[in-house]
Every structure is written in C-alpha cells, then in structure tokens.
Amino acid sequence: MRKTLTILAFAAALPAGTALADDDCFVPMADWQPRSAVEALALEKGWTVRRIKIDDGCYEVDGTDAAGKAIEVKLHPGTLQPVEFEYEEEKEHGKGRDRKPESD
C-alpha cells in the first residue's frame, strides 16, 4: 500500500514540476506591457530590433545586441523580464540558423 501511495504521489507531482520548467508565458492580455515598452527596453539595452512578435504567450524580439550579434529574446509580457535569451549564428552553408544559448 505504501509503495502504491508513493508512486501516485510521484506521478501527481511530475506534471506540476514539468510545467514550472516551461518557458511559456501565461499572462492575461490586460496585464501586458505595450509593444512600445518592449521597443524602449530594446533601445535601452542597445539592441537593434528586426521584429517583435508573440510566441508561446511571450514577447519575442529578433534583432542584434549592442555588439552586432544576432539575438532572439523571449520577454515576459507583464514584467518584460527575459524568459529566454539566445545568440544566433548563421550556418556555414547559407540557409537556416543555429541557436546557441547565452553562456554565463
């Protein structure tokens, strides 16, 4: 009986733990910062914005950083805090992009 309860407790906790590791944003639209605030943040950080779109409920900024490196940044729409930050590099043979996470 104890083994069964342990397995059930583990199974019940597993989806909750998986959801916490997700990089999706779940914020009501009424609580979102305006797109102009995303543009102002990018300007403040020295980013050049190529495109701002919505992905997985987050703002996603495609552009370059102050050093000219291609970046893709997911921002929480309510706080504008980075959820994910990636440097992008062109593949050697032309089309497509390899995405490399920012190293600390």
N, C-alpha and C. Protein backbone atom coordinates (compact mmCIF):
# COMPACT_ATOMS: atom_id res chain seq x y z
N MET A 1 0.83 -1.19 0.00
CA MET A 1 0.00 0.00 0.00
C MET A 1 0.87 1.26 0.00
N ARG A 2 1.91 1.25 0.82
CA ARG A 2 2.78 2.41 0.90
C ARG A 2 3.49 2.65 -0.44
N LYS A 3 3.90 1.59 -1.11
CA LYS A 3 4.56 1.71 -2.41
C LYS A 3 3.61 2.34 -3.43
N THR A 4 2.35 1.93 -3.42
CA THR A 4 1.36 2.48 -4.34
C THR A 4 1.15 3.97 -4.10
N LEU A 5 1.06 4.37 -2.82
CA LEU A 5 0.87 5.78 -2.50
C LEU A 5 2.08 6.61 -2.92
N THR A 6 3.27 6.06 -2.76
CA THR A 6 4.49 6.76 -3.17
C THR A 6 4.49 6.99 -4.68
N ILE A 7 4.13 5.97 -5.43
CA ILE A 7 4.09 6.07 -6.89
C ILE A 7 3.04 7.09 -7.31
N LEU A 8 1.87 7.05 -6.68
CA LEU A 8 0.81 8.01 -7.02
C LEU A 8 1.23 9.44 -6.69
N ALA A 9 1.89 9.63 -5.57
CA ALA A 9 2.34 10.97 -5.19
C ALA A 9 3.37 11.48 -6.19
N PHE A 10 4.29 10.62 -6.61
CA PHE A 10 5.29 11.00 -7.60
C PHE A 10 4.63 11.35 -8.94
N ALA A 11 3.69 10.52 -9.37
CA ALA A 11 3.00 10.76 -10.64
C ALA A 11 2.21 12.07 -10.61
N ALA A 12 1.61 12.38 -9.48
CA ALA A 12 0.84 13.63 -9.36
C ALA A 12 1.75 14.85 -9.38
N ALA A 13 2.94 14.74 -8.83
CA ALA A 13 3.87 15.87 -8.77
C ALA A 13 4.61 16.08 -10.09
N LEU A 14 4.75 15.07 -10.90
CA LEU A 14 5.53 15.16 -12.14
C LEU A 14 5.01 16.21 -13.11
N PRO A 15 3.73 16.26 -13.46
CA PRO A 15 3.30 17.30 -14.40
C PRO A 15 3.49 18.71 -13.86
N ALA A 16 3.31 18.90 -12.56
CA ALA A 16 3.48 20.23 -11.98
C ALA A 16 4.94 20.68 -12.11
N GLY A 17 5.87 19.80 -11.87
CA GLY A 17 7.29 20.12 -12.00
C GLY A 17 7.66 20.41 -13.43
N THR A 18 7.08 19.69 -14.37
CA THR A 18 7.35 19.90 -15.78
C THR A 18 6.85 21.26 -16.22
N ALA A 19 5.69 21.67 -15.74
CA ALA A 19 5.13 22.96 -16.13
C ALA A 19 6.00 24.12 -15.64
N LEU A 20 6.65 23.98 -14.50
CA LEU A 20 7.49 25.04 -13.97
C LEU A 20 8.73 25.28 -14.82
N ALA A 21 9.18 24.24 -15.52
CA ALA A 21 10.38 24.37 -16.34
C ALA A 21 10.07 24.94 -17.72
N ASP A 22 8.81 25.16 -18.01
CA ASP A 22 8.39 25.65 -19.32
C ASP A 22 8.73 27.12 -19.50
N ASP A 23 8.97 27.54 -20.74
CA ASP A 23 9.28 28.94 -20.99
C ASP A 23 8.11 29.68 -21.63
N ASP A 24 6.89 29.14 -21.47
CA ASP A 24 5.69 29.82 -21.94
C ASP A 24 5.28 30.88 -20.94
N CYS A 25 4.56 31.89 -21.41
CA CYS A 25 4.07 32.96 -20.54
C CYS A 25 2.54 32.88 -20.48
N PHE A 26 2.00 32.89 -19.29
CA PHE A 26 0.57 32.82 -19.11
C PHE A 26 0.12 34.08 -18.37
N VAL A 27 -0.13 35.13 -19.14
CA VAL A 27 -0.47 36.43 -18.57
C VAL A 27 -1.70 36.95 -19.30
N PRO A 28 -2.74 37.38 -18.58
CA PRO A 28 -3.90 37.96 -19.27
C PRO A 28 -3.47 39.20 -20.07
N MET A 29 -4.05 39.38 -21.24
CA MET A 29 -3.69 40.50 -22.11
C MET A 29 -3.83 41.85 -21.40
N ALA A 30 -4.75 41.96 -20.48
CA ALA A 30 -4.94 43.23 -19.74
C ALA A 30 -3.72 43.60 -18.91
N ASP A 31 -2.88 42.60 -18.57
CA ASP A 31 -1.70 42.83 -17.74
C ASP A 31 -0.41 42.99 -18.57
N TRP A 32 -0.51 42.98 -19.88
CA TRP A 32 0.67 43.09 -20.74
C TRP A 32 1.18 44.52 -20.79
N GLN A 33 2.49 44.66 -20.88
CA GLN A 33 3.12 45.94 -21.18
C GLN A 33 2.88 46.21 -22.67
N PRO A 34 2.78 47.48 -23.08
CA PRO A 34 2.57 47.76 -24.51
C PRO A 34 3.83 47.46 -25.33
N ARG A 35 3.62 47.25 -26.61
CA ARG A 35 4.72 46.97 -27.53
C ARG A 35 5.77 48.09 -27.50
N SER A 36 5.32 49.32 -27.29
CA SER A 36 6.25 50.45 -27.22
C SER A 36 7.21 50.31 -26.04
N ALA A 37 6.77 49.66 -24.96
CA ALA A 37 7.65 49.42 -23.81
C ALA A 37 8.73 48.39 -24.17
N VAL A 38 8.39 47.43 -25.02
CA VAL A 38 9.38 46.45 -25.49
C VAL A 38 10.42 47.17 -26.34
N GLU A 39 9.96 48.05 -27.22
CA GLU A 39 10.88 48.82 -28.06
C GLU A 39 11.79 49.70 -27.21
N ALA A 40 11.24 50.32 -26.17
CA ALA A 40 12.04 51.18 -25.29
C ALA A 40 13.09 50.35 -24.53
N LEU A 41 12.71 49.16 -24.07
CA LEU A 41 13.65 48.28 -23.38
C LEU A 41 14.80 47.89 -24.31
N ALA A 42 14.46 47.54 -25.54
CA ALA A 42 15.48 47.16 -26.52
C ALA A 42 16.45 48.32 -26.77
N LEU A 43 15.91 49.51 -26.92
CA LEU A 43 16.74 50.69 -27.14
C LEU A 43 17.67 50.93 -25.94
N GLU A 44 17.11 50.78 -24.74
CA GLU A 44 17.89 50.96 -23.51
C GLU A 44 19.05 49.98 -23.42
N LYS A 45 18.84 48.76 -23.90
CA LYS A 45 19.87 47.72 -23.85
C LYS A 45 20.82 47.76 -25.05
N GLY A 46 20.55 48.67 -26.01
CA GLY A 46 21.42 48.78 -27.17
C GLY A 46 21.11 47.77 -28.26
N TRP A 47 19.93 47.16 -28.20
CA TRP A 47 19.53 46.18 -29.22
C TRP A 47 18.97 46.90 -30.44
N THR A 48 19.22 46.33 -31.61
CA THR A 48 18.56 46.76 -32.83
C THR A 48 17.48 45.73 -33.11
N VAL A 49 16.23 46.17 -33.20
CA VAL A 49 15.10 45.25 -33.35
C VAL A 49 14.79 45.05 -34.82
N ARG A 50 14.76 43.78 -35.22
CA ARG A 50 14.33 43.42 -36.57
C ARG A 50 12.84 43.11 -36.57
N ARG A 51 12.39 42.42 -35.48
CA ARG A 51 10.99 42.03 -35.41
C ARG A 51 10.61 41.78 -33.96
N ILE A 52 9.39 42.16 -33.59
CA ILE A 52 8.80 41.81 -32.30
C ILE A 52 7.55 41.01 -32.61
N LYS A 53 7.46 39.83 -32.06
CA LYS A 53 6.27 39.01 -32.27
C LYS A 53 5.87 38.37 -30.94
N ILE A 54 4.78 37.65 -30.96
CA ILE A 54 4.31 36.92 -29.78
C ILE A 54 4.52 35.44 -30.04
N ASP A 55 5.19 34.76 -29.10
CA ASP A 55 5.45 33.34 -29.21
C ASP A 55 5.22 32.70 -27.85
N ASP A 56 4.38 31.69 -27.79
CA ASP A 56 4.06 30.99 -26.54
C ASP A 56 3.57 31.95 -25.46
N GLY A 57 2.86 32.99 -25.87
CA GLY A 57 2.33 33.96 -24.91
C GLY A 57 3.34 34.97 -24.40
N CYS A 58 4.55 34.94 -24.95
CA CYS A 58 5.61 35.87 -24.56
C CYS A 58 5.90 36.81 -25.74
N TYR A 59 6.46 37.99 -25.43
CA TYR A 59 7.03 38.79 -26.50
C TYR A 59 8.32 38.12 -26.94
N GLU A 60 8.60 38.12 -28.23
CA GLU A 60 9.86 37.61 -28.74
C GLU A 60 10.49 38.70 -29.61
N VAL A 61 11.71 39.07 -29.28
CA VAL A 61 12.44 40.10 -30.00
C VAL A 61 13.54 39.42 -30.81
N ASP A 62 13.51 39.63 -32.12
CA ASP A 62 14.59 39.19 -33.01
C ASP A 62 15.35 40.43 -33.43
N GLY A 63 16.66 40.36 -33.34
CA GLY A 63 17.47 41.51 -33.74
C GLY A 63 18.93 41.27 -33.46
N THR A 64 19.63 42.35 -33.10
CA THR A 64 21.05 42.24 -32.76
C THR A 64 21.31 42.97 -31.45
N ASP A 65 22.34 42.50 -30.74
CA ASP A 65 22.71 43.17 -29.49
C ASP A 65 23.63 44.36 -29.81
N ALA A 66 24.11 45.01 -28.79
CA ALA A 66 24.94 46.21 -28.97
C ALA A 66 26.23 45.91 -29.74
N ALA A 67 26.70 44.66 -29.67
CA ALA A 67 27.93 44.27 -30.38
C ALA A 67 27.66 43.79 -31.80
N GLY A 68 26.38 43.77 -32.20
CA GLY A 68 26.04 43.34 -33.55
C GLY A 68 25.76 41.86 -33.70
N LYS A 69 25.77 41.10 -32.60
CA LYS A 69 25.46 39.67 -32.67
C LYS A 69 23.95 39.46 -32.77
N ALA A 70 23.55 38.51 -33.61
CA ALA A 70 22.13 38.20 -33.77
C ALA A 70 21.60 37.58 -32.48
N ILE A 71 20.43 38.07 -32.02
CA ILE A 71 19.83 37.57 -30.79
C ILE A 71 18.35 37.27 -31.01
N GLU A 72 17.85 36.41 -30.14
CA GLU A 72 16.42 36.15 -30.03
C GLU A 72 16.12 36.12 -28.54
N VAL A 73 15.26 37.02 -28.09
CA VAL A 73 14.97 37.16 -26.67
C VAL A 73 13.48 37.02 -26.44
N LYS A 74 13.09 36.10 -25.53
CA LYS A 74 11.71 36.00 -25.09
C LYS A 74 11.57 36.81 -23.82
N LEU A 75 10.54 37.67 -23.78
CA LEU A 75 10.29 38.53 -22.63
C LEU A 75 8.93 38.23 -22.03
N HIS A 76 8.87 38.23 -20.70
CA HIS A 76 7.59 38.08 -20.01
C HIS A 76 6.77 39.33 -20.34
N PRO A 77 5.54 39.18 -20.82
CA PRO A 77 4.79 40.34 -21.29
C PRO A 77 4.33 41.29 -20.19
N GLY A 78 4.27 40.83 -18.96
CA GLY A 78 3.84 41.69 -17.86
C GLY A 78 4.98 42.46 -17.23
N THR A 79 6.15 41.82 -17.12
CA THR A 79 7.28 42.42 -16.44
C THR A 79 8.42 42.82 -17.38
N LEU A 80 8.40 42.30 -18.58
CA LEU A 80 9.46 42.47 -19.58
C LEU A 80 10.80 41.89 -19.12
N GLN A 81 10.75 40.98 -18.17
CA GLN A 81 11.95 40.26 -17.75
C GLN A 81 12.25 39.16 -18.77
N PRO A 82 13.53 38.93 -19.09
CA PRO A 82 13.87 37.86 -20.05
C PRO A 82 13.47 36.49 -19.52
N VAL A 83 12.81 35.73 -20.37
CA VAL A 83 12.44 34.35 -20.08
C VAL A 83 13.46 33.43 -20.73
N GLU A 84 13.95 33.85 -21.89
CA GLU A 84 14.94 33.08 -22.64
C GLU A 84 15.75 34.06 -23.49
N PHE A 85 17.06 33.83 -23.57
CA PHE A 85 17.94 34.70 -24.36
C PHE A 85 18.87 33.80 -25.15
N GLU A 86 18.85 33.95 -26.48
CA GLU A 86 19.70 33.12 -27.32
C GLU A 86 20.49 33.97 -28.30
N TYR A 87 21.77 33.62 -28.47
CA TYR A 87 22.55 34.18 -29.56
C TYR A 87 22.35 33.26 -30.76
N GLU A 88 22.23 33.83 -31.93
CA GLU A 88 22.02 33.05 -33.15
C GLU A 88 23.22 33.23 -34.06
N GLU A 89 23.63 32.15 -34.69
CA GLU A 89 24.74 32.21 -35.63
C GLU A 89 24.30 31.63 -36.95
N GLU A 90 24.73 32.25 -38.03
CA GLU A 90 24.41 31.76 -39.36
C GLU A 90 25.13 30.43 -39.58
N LYS A 91 24.44 29.49 -40.23
CA LYS A 91 25.08 28.23 -40.59
C LYS A 91 26.11 28.50 -41.68
N GLU A 92 27.13 27.66 -41.74
CA GLU A 92 28.20 27.85 -42.71
C GLU A 92 27.73 27.77 -44.16
N HIS A 93 26.69 26.99 -44.43
CA HIS A 93 26.26 26.76 -45.80
C HIS A 93 25.03 27.57 -46.17
N GLY A 94 24.82 28.69 -45.53
CA GLY A 94 23.75 29.57 -46.01
C GLY A 94 22.50 29.56 -45.17
N LYS A 95 21.47 28.87 -45.62
CA LYS A 95 20.14 28.98 -45.04
C LYS A 95 20.07 28.44 -43.62
N GLY A 96 19.11 28.99 -42.88
CA GLY A 96 18.84 28.49 -41.54
C GLY A 96 19.71 29.13 -40.49
N ARG A 97 19.38 28.81 -39.23
CA ARG A 97 20.12 29.38 -38.09
C ARG A 97 20.38 28.28 -37.08
N ASP A 98 21.52 28.33 -36.48
CA ASP A 98 21.80 27.50 -35.32
C ASP A 98 21.58 28.39 -34.12
N ARG A 99 20.88 27.91 -33.13
CA ARG A 99 20.65 28.69 -31.93
C ARG A 99 21.51 28.16 -30.81
N LYS A 100 22.22 29.08 -30.19
CA LYS A 100 23.09 28.71 -29.08
C LYS A 100 22.68 29.53 -27.89
N PRO A 101 22.43 28.87 -26.74
CA PRO A 101 22.06 29.63 -25.55
C PRO A 101 23.22 30.50 -25.09
N GLU A 102 22.86 31.60 -24.47
CA GLU A 102 23.88 32.51 -23.93
C GLU A 102 24.63 31.80 -22.83
N SER A 103 25.95 31.88 -22.85
CA SER A 103 26.74 31.26 -21.79
C SER A 103 27.04 32.29 -20.73
N ASP A 104 27.03 31.85 -19.48
CA ASP A 104 27.30 32.77 -18.36
C ASP A 104 28.76 32.78 -18.02
